[in-house]
Amino acid sequence: MIVSVVAMPEGTVRRTPVSEARERLAESRFLFVDAELPAQAPPGEQPIAHLLGLEADDLPWLGRERESARAEFLGDAAAFVVPAIEAGQVVHLHVVATERYLLTVHRGPVAMVHGLIARLPHERPPDAVATLFLLLGEALETYRRSAVQALLEVEDLEDEMFHRREPEQLYRLARLRRTSALLHHTLLPYHQAAEEAITRRVLNPDFPQERQRLAREYQRMSKLVLTDIEALQEAARRGFGTYSSLVSGEQNGVINRLAIVSTIFLPLTFLTGFFGMNFAYLTDELESRVIFWVLAVGLQVLFLAGALYVLHRTRIWRRLHDDEGVDDE
């Protein structure tokens, strides 16, 4: 276990053993403590709340693997299980905030927490609650960045489709749609829990005005991030619709070409079948070579020229010509 203790408001960071972190949590006025647990819980792992001298009975979930989203107030403490996006994967931060300290616990390294610790000497939040909202906002920002990046990829894919459609684009769209579903599925339960808990707290008349402002700003940001994720979902659906429309257009072009070929060869097939019949008039009267060339071959050429003329004068021919010009571009 790696424990980092940040003395606030100075912002000085120090790696300490668990025992020292426990003593400082009991004595200091304002601390930010980050505990990085092993990626996999070893057998017989002791509860982190017990190791840090906290009320372990109230925090049995702290540091536990696969814990669901949480946002609640336990007397004077706020408890959160906050999802965040780390390298395309969802990680969960276990957070406990009181008037004296802010504690974060996570499995494995989380770059977002290290970035926040590096910002604290410059941000200088006045208390643990302000630091909590700073942390919650940073977690939402990881979702916003992922949603915006995926949205831009969808738009680039749509542009590529209009220039040249390839099967690989469909797989990339499916991956982006899965990303949008992951973002929405993991953020929405936490958003609902946090919205309910924070709204109840803000409605309390004893809640300070500055903290009400931070809470409302966080709620506004949370709704905006959800809107970005929903926009990504809609863009992914639109991308699939665009791909399907392009496929349908190409299939229509193929069907039109087959219709033209059928129109050209239908009279030729009729004439061939007619003169291939074995009845008395054809065998007795039409015996000369001249008549054969005039009727058999001449009629076919005449019908072929007429069919090509009619097709050339219709919009189908011009439409096919225009489609080929677009494909060549």
Protein backbone atom coordinates (compact mmCIF):
# COMPACT_ATOMS: atom_id res chain seq x y z
CA MET A 1 0.00 0.00 0.00
CA ILE A 2 1.22 3.50 -0.92
CA VAL A 3 -0.07 6.38 1.21
CA SER A 4 0.44 10.00 0.16
CA VAL A 5 -0.34 12.74 2.66
CA VAL A 6 -0.82 16.32 1.45
CA ALA A 7 -0.69 18.99 4.15
CA MET A 8 -3.15 21.73 3.27
CA PRO A 9 -3.40 24.55 2.45
CA GLU A 10 0.39 24.53 1.84
CA GLY A 11 0.11 21.60 -0.58
CA THR A 12 3.26 19.79 0.57
CA VAL A 13 3.20 16.10 -0.41
CA ARG A 14 4.80 13.30 1.56
CA ARG A 15 4.79 9.53 1.22
CA THR A 16 4.22 8.03 4.66
CA PRO A 17 3.63 4.61 6.22
CA VAL A 18 0.09 3.78 7.28
CA SER A 19 0.86 4.29 10.96
CA GLU A 20 2.05 7.88 10.43
CA ALA A 21 -0.94 8.65 8.19
CA ARG A 22 -3.19 7.36 10.97
CA GLU A 23 -1.59 9.67 13.52
CA ARG A 24 -1.81 12.70 11.26
CA LEU A 25 -5.46 12.00 10.46
CA ALA A 26 -6.20 12.07 14.19
CA GLU A 27 -4.27 15.29 14.86
CA SER A 28 -4.08 17.55 11.79
CA ARG A 29 -6.62 20.22 10.96
CA PHE A 30 -6.74 19.81 7.16
CA LEU A 31 -5.25 16.87 5.25
CA PHE A 32 -5.63 15.22 1.88
CA VAL A 33 -4.73 11.52 2.12
CA ASP A 34 -4.50 9.20 -0.88
CA ALA A 35 -4.15 5.44 -0.37
CA GLU A 36 -3.16 3.32 -3.36
CA LEU A 37 -4.01 -0.33 -2.77
CA PRO A 38 -2.73 -3.31 -4.79
CA ALA A 39 -4.60 -3.90 -8.05
CA GLN A 40 -5.76 -7.27 -6.69
CA ALA A 41 -6.78 -7.63 -3.05
CA PRO A 42 -4.39 -10.11 -1.34
CA PRO A 43 -5.87 -12.83 0.89
CA GLY A 44 -6.55 -11.63 4.42
CA GLU A 45 -6.30 -7.92 3.54
CA GLN A 46 -7.29 -5.77 6.49
CA PRO A 47 -9.92 -3.04 5.98
CA ILE A 48 -8.27 0.25 5.07
CA ALA A 49 -10.63 2.13 7.41
CA HIS A 50 -9.35 0.07 10.35
CA LEU A 51 -5.70 0.64 9.38
CA LEU A 52 -6.23 4.40 9.24
CA GLY A 53 -8.08 4.55 12.56
CA LEU A 54 -11.47 5.46 11.10
CA GLU A 55 -14.86 4.15 12.16
CA ALA A 56 -14.63 0.85 10.31
CA ASP A 57 -18.25 -0.07 11.08
CA ASP A 58 -19.47 2.92 9.07
CA LEU A 59 -17.06 2.31 6.18
CA PRO A 60 -17.03 -1.44 5.39
CA TRP A 61 -17.11 -0.67 1.66
CA LEU A 62 -13.98 1.52 1.71
CA GLY A 63 -11.36 -0.05 -0.57
CA ARG A 64 -13.51 -3.07 -1.35
CA GLU A 65 -13.31 -4.39 -4.90
CA ARG A 66 -16.23 -4.06 -7.33
CA GLU A 67 -18.11 -1.64 -5.12
CA SER A 68 -21.12 0.01 -6.79
CA ALA A 69 -21.59 3.76 -7.16
CA ARG A 70 -22.27 5.55 -3.89
CA ALA A 71 -23.04 9.09 -2.78
CA GLU A 72 -24.32 9.63 0.75
CA PHE A 73 -23.81 11.65 3.90
CA LEU A 74 -22.92 9.84 7.13
CA GLY A 75 -23.47 12.46 9.78
CA ASP A 76 -20.64 14.97 9.34
CA ALA A 77 -18.90 12.85 6.68
CA ALA A 78 -19.59 12.48 2.97
CA ALA A 79 -18.99 9.09 1.36
CA PHE A 80 -18.62 8.56 -2.39
CA VAL A 81 -17.65 5.80 -4.80
CA VAL A 82 -16.78 7.91 -7.83
CA PRO A 83 -16.26 6.44 -11.33
CA ALA A 84 -13.57 7.93 -13.56
CA ILE A 85 -12.06 7.06 -16.94
CA GLU A 86 -8.42 5.98 -16.87
CA ALA A 87 -6.80 4.96 -20.19
CA GLY A 88 -10.17 3.97 -21.65
CA GLN A 89 -11.11 1.91 -18.59
CA VAL A 90 -13.45 2.73 -15.71
CA VAL A 91 -11.82 3.02 -12.29
CA HIS A 92 -13.60 3.71 -9.01
CA LEU A 93 -12.35 6.11 -6.37
CA HIS A 94 -13.54 5.57 -2.81
CA VAL A 95 -13.80 8.97 -1.16
CA VAL A 96 -14.51 10.03 2.41
CA ALA A 97 -14.67 13.74 3.27
CA THR A 98 -15.09 15.44 6.64
CA GLU A 99 -14.41 18.95 7.87
CA ARG A 100 -10.81 17.94 8.71
CA TYR A 101 -9.66 15.63 5.94
CA LEU A 102 -10.32 14.20 2.49
CA LEU A 103 -9.42 10.54 2.00
CA THR A 104 -9.26 8.79 -1.39
CA VAL A 105 -8.71 5.05 -1.83
CA HIS A 106 -8.22 3.25 -5.16
CA ARG A 107 -6.85 0.03 -6.61
CA GLY A 108 -3.67 0.58 -8.59
CA PRO A 109 -2.29 3.94 -9.75
CA VAL A 110 -4.77 6.57 -10.97
CA ALA A 111 -3.27 9.44 -12.98
CA MET A 112 -6.24 11.70 -12.21
CA VAL A 113 -5.47 11.63 -8.47
CA HIS A 114 -1.77 12.30 -9.04
CA GLY A 115 -2.69 15.21 -11.30
CA LEU A 116 -5.01 16.61 -8.65
CA ILE A 117 -2.31 16.34 -5.98
CA ALA A 118 0.07 18.25 -8.27
CA ARG A 119 -2.56 21.00 -8.71
CA LEU A 120 -3.32 21.46 -5.01
CA PRO A 121 -0.37 23.80 -4.27
CA HIS A 122 -1.65 26.12 -7.02
CA GLU A 123 -5.40 25.72 -6.43
CA ARG A 124 -5.11 26.01 -2.62
CA PRO A 125 -8.71 24.97 -1.76
CA PRO A 126 -9.70 26.47 1.61
CA ASP A 127 -11.09 23.29 3.18
CA ALA A 128 -11.76 19.60 2.66
CA VAL A 129 -15.21 20.19 1.16
CA ALA A 130 -13.80 22.47 -1.54
CA THR A 131 -11.15 19.82 -2.25
CA LEU A 132 -13.90 17.20 -2.49
CA PHE A 133 -15.77 19.15 -5.18
CA LEU A 134 -12.47 19.71 -6.97
CA LEU A 135 -11.94 15.94 -7.02
CA LEU A 136 -15.51 15.21 -8.13
CA GLY A 137 -15.22 17.75 -10.92
CA GLU A 138 -11.96 16.23 -12.12
CA ALA A 139 -13.61 12.79 -12.26
CA LEU A 140 -16.43 14.23 -14.38
CA GLU A 141 -13.84 15.86 -16.61
CA THR A 142 -12.38 12.45 -17.48
CA TYR A 143 -15.82 11.41 -18.74
CA ARG A 144 -16.23 14.63 -20.71
CA ARG A 145 -12.85 14.24 -22.41
CA SER A 146 -13.59 10.62 -23.35
CA ALA A 147 -17.03 11.53 -24.72
CA VAL A 148 -15.72 14.47 -26.77
CA GLN A 149 -12.83 12.43 -28.18
CA ALA A 150 -15.17 9.61 -29.20
CA LEU A 151 -17.62 12.11 -30.72
CA LEU A 152 -14.88 13.59 -32.89
CA GLU A 153 -13.90 10.07 -34.02
CA VAL A 154 -17.50 9.38 -35.08
CA GLU A 155 -17.61 12.61 -37.11
CA ASP A 156 -14.30 11.74 -38.79
CA LEU A 157 -15.66 8.29 -39.62
CA GLU A 158 -18.73 9.82 -41.26
CA ASP A 159 -16.51 12.00 -43.44
CA GLU A 160 -14.44 8.96 -44.43
CA MET A 161 -17.59 7.03 -45.36
CA PHE A 162 -18.66 9.63 -47.90
CA HIS A 163 -15.25 9.49 -49.58
CA ARG A 164 -14.71 5.74 -49.41
CA ARG A 165 -16.78 3.18 -47.57
CA GLU A 166 -14.90 0.25 -46.00
CA PRO A 167 -16.07 -2.61 -43.73
CA GLU A 168 -13.51 -1.60 -41.10
CA GLN A 169 -15.47 1.60 -40.49
CA LEU A 170 -18.42 -0.45 -39.27
CA TYR A 171 -16.25 -2.16 -36.64
CA ARG A 172 -14.86 1.18 -35.51
CA LEU A 173 -18.40 2.53 -35.19
CA ALA A 174 -19.38 -0.50 -33.12
CA ARG A 175 -16.41 0.11 -30.81
CA LEU A 176 -17.37 3.78 -30.37
CA ARG A 177 -20.98 2.85 -29.71
CA ARG A 178 -19.80 0.42 -27.05
CA THR A 179 -17.71 3.23 -25.54
CA SER A 180 -20.75 5.50 -25.37
CA ALA A 181 -22.76 2.73 -23.69
CA LEU A 182 -19.96 2.16 -21.15
CA LEU A 183 -19.76 5.87 -20.31
CA HIS A 184 -23.50 6.18 -19.89
CA HIS A 185 -23.93 2.91 -17.99
CA THR A 186 -21.23 3.72 -15.43
CA LEU A 187 -21.93 7.43 -14.94
CA LEU A 188 -25.73 7.47 -14.79
CA PRO A 189 -26.17 5.48 -11.51
CA TYR A 190 -23.53 7.62 -9.79
CA HIS A 191 -25.07 10.81 -11.21
CA GLN A 192 -28.50 9.91 -9.85
CA ALA A 193 -27.14 9.02 -6.41
CA ALA A 194 -24.98 12.15 -6.22
CA GLU A 195 -27.80 14.37 -7.47
CA GLU A 196 -30.15 13.12 -4.80
CA ALA A 197 -27.62 13.34 -1.96
CA ILE A 198 -26.25 16.77 -2.90
CA THR A 199 -29.72 18.23 -3.50
CA ARG A 200 -30.82 17.19 -0.01
CA ARG A 201 -27.69 18.77 1.44
CA VAL A 202 -28.05 22.00 -0.51
CA LEU A 203 -31.67 22.39 0.59
CA ASN A 204 -30.50 22.37 4.20
CA PRO A 205 -30.63 26.03 5.33
CA ASP A 206 -27.52 25.50 7.48
CA PHE A 207 -25.40 24.63 4.42
CA PRO A 208 -22.96 27.55 3.82
CA GLN A 209 -23.52 29.73 0.76
CA GLU A 210 -20.08 29.04 -0.72
CA ARG A 211 -20.63 25.30 -0.51
CA GLN A 212 -24.06 25.68 -2.07
CA ARG A 213 -22.36 27.44 -4.98
CA LEU A 214 -19.85 24.60 -5.35
CA ALA A 215 -22.64 22.02 -5.21
CA ARG A 216 -24.74 23.78 -7.85
CA GLU A 217 -21.70 24.20 -10.10
CA TYR A 218 -20.98 20.50 -9.76
CA GLN A 219 -24.59 19.60 -10.57
CA ARG A 220 -24.50 21.82 -13.65
CA MET A 221 -21.27 20.21 -14.84
CA SER A 222 -22.64 16.72 -14.22
CA LYS A 223 -25.69 17.40 -16.41
CA LEU A 224 -23.48 18.83 -19.16
CA VAL A 225 -21.29 15.73 -19.15
CA LEU A 226 -24.35 13.49 -19.41
CA THR A 227 -25.54 15.63 -22.32
CA ASP A 228 -22.16 15.11 -24.05
CA ILE A 229 -22.45 11.34 -23.57
CA GLU A 230 -26.00 11.33 -24.93
CA ALA A 231 -24.77 13.36 -27.93
CA LEU A 232 -22.12 10.69 -28.49
CA GLN A 233 -24.77 7.95 -28.38
CA GLU A 234 -26.89 9.83 -30.91
CA ALA A 235 -23.89 10.42 -33.17
CA ALA A 236 -23.01 6.71 -33.06
CA ARG A 237 -26.57 5.79 -34.03
CA ARG A 238 -26.46 8.37 -36.81
CA GLY A 239 -23.16 6.90 -38.02
CA PHE A 240 -24.73 3.45 -38.32
CA GLY A 241 -27.64 5.03 -40.20
CA THR A 242 -25.22 6.77 -42.56
CA TYR A 243 -23.38 3.53 -43.24
CA SER A 244 -26.65 1.72 -43.92
CA SER A 245 -27.80 4.49 -46.26
CA LEU A 246 -24.57 4.30 -48.24
CA VAL A 247 -24.89 0.51 -48.53
CA SER A 248 -28.50 0.89 -49.67
CA GLY A 249 -27.45 3.48 -52.25
CA GLU A 250 -24.83 1.15 -53.67
CA GLN A 251 -27.33 -1.71 -53.79
CA ASN A 252 -29.82 0.53 -55.61
CA GLY A 253 -27.13 1.36 -58.15
CA VAL A 254 -26.47 -2.32 -58.77
CA ILE A 255 -30.20 -3.01 -59.15
CA ASN A 256 -30.52 -0.12 -61.62
CA ARG A 257 -27.66 -1.48 -63.71
CA LEU A 258 -29.27 -4.91 -63.75
CA ALA A 259 -32.56 -3.32 -64.83
CA ILE A 260 -30.79 -1.57 -67.73
CA VAL A 261 -29.14 -4.79 -68.84
CA SER A 262 -32.48 -6.58 -68.65
CA THR A 263 -34.15 -3.81 -70.67
CA ILE A 264 -31.50 -4.09 -73.36
CA PHE A 265 -31.55 -7.87 -73.66
CA LEU A 266 -35.29 -8.46 -73.26
CA PRO A 267 -36.19 -7.64 -76.92
CA LEU A 268 -33.09 -9.46 -78.10
CA THR A 269 -34.16 -12.53 -76.15
CA PHE A 270 -37.63 -12.29 -77.65
CA LEU A 271 -36.32 -12.07 -81.22
CA THR A 272 -33.90 -14.92 -80.64
CA GLY A 273 -36.67 -17.08 -79.27
CA PHE A 274 -39.05 -16.12 -82.07
CA PHE A 275 -36.68 -16.94 -84.92
CA GLY A 276 -35.62 -20.10 -83.17
CA MET A 277 -39.11 -21.54 -83.45
CA ASN A 278 -39.54 -24.37 -85.91
CA PHE A 279 -42.81 -23.70 -87.79
CA ALA A 280 -43.69 -23.76 -91.53
CA TYR A 281 -43.53 -20.07 -92.32
CA LEU A 282 -40.00 -19.63 -90.98
CA THR A 283 -38.72 -22.82 -92.58
CA ASP A 284 -40.47 -22.44 -95.96
CA GLU A 285 -40.72 -18.71 -96.67
CA LEU A 286 -37.72 -17.12 -94.95
CA GLU A 287 -35.03 -19.08 -96.66
CA SER A 288 -32.76 -16.42 -98.21
CA ARG A 289 -29.69 -15.04 -96.48
CA VAL A 290 -30.81 -11.44 -97.10
CA ILE A 291 -34.07 -11.97 -95.29
CA PHE A 292 -32.18 -13.59 -92.42
CA TRP A 293 -29.86 -10.61 -92.03
CA VAL A 294 -32.70 -8.10 -92.34
CA LEU A 295 -35.08 -9.76 -89.94
CA ALA A 296 -32.90 -11.68 -87.52
CA VAL A 297 -29.91 -9.38 -87.22
CA GLY A 298 -31.42 -6.08 -88.38
CA LEU A 299 -34.33 -6.22 -85.97
CA GLN A 300 -31.99 -6.98 -83.08
CA VAL A 301 -29.77 -4.02 -83.95
CA LEU A 302 -32.85 -1.82 -84.32
CA PHE A 303 -34.29 -2.87 -80.97
CA LEU A 304 -30.89 -2.46 -79.28
CA ALA A 305 -30.47 1.06 -80.68
CA GLY A 306 -34.01 1.96 -79.62
CA ALA A 307 -33.47 0.63 -76.09
CA LEU A 308 -30.20 2.55 -75.70
CA TYR A 309 -31.87 5.73 -76.97
CA VAL A 310 -34.75 5.40 -74.51
CA LEU A 311 -32.40 4.71 -71.59
CA HIS A 312 -30.21 7.62 -72.57
CA ARG A 313 -33.22 9.95 -72.52
CA THR A 314 -34.39 8.79 -69.08
CA ARG A 315 -33.16 10.02 -65.70
CA ILE A 316 -32.01 6.54 -64.68
CA TRP A 317 -29.11 6.62 -67.13
CA ARG A 318 -28.07 10.11 -66.09
CA ARG A 319 -28.36 9.18 -62.42
CA LEU A 320 -26.04 6.22 -62.90
CA HIS A 321 -23.61 8.44 -64.76
CA ASP A 322 -23.66 10.97 -61.92
CA ASP A 323 -23.18 8.23 -59.29
CA GLU A 324 -20.14 6.90 -61.12
CA GLY A 325 -18.70 10.41 -61.22
CA VAL A 326 -19.13 10.78 -57.46
CA ASP A 327 -17.52 7.38 -56.83
CA ASP A 328 -14.53 8.34 -58.97
CA GLU A 329 -14.00 11.46 -56.86
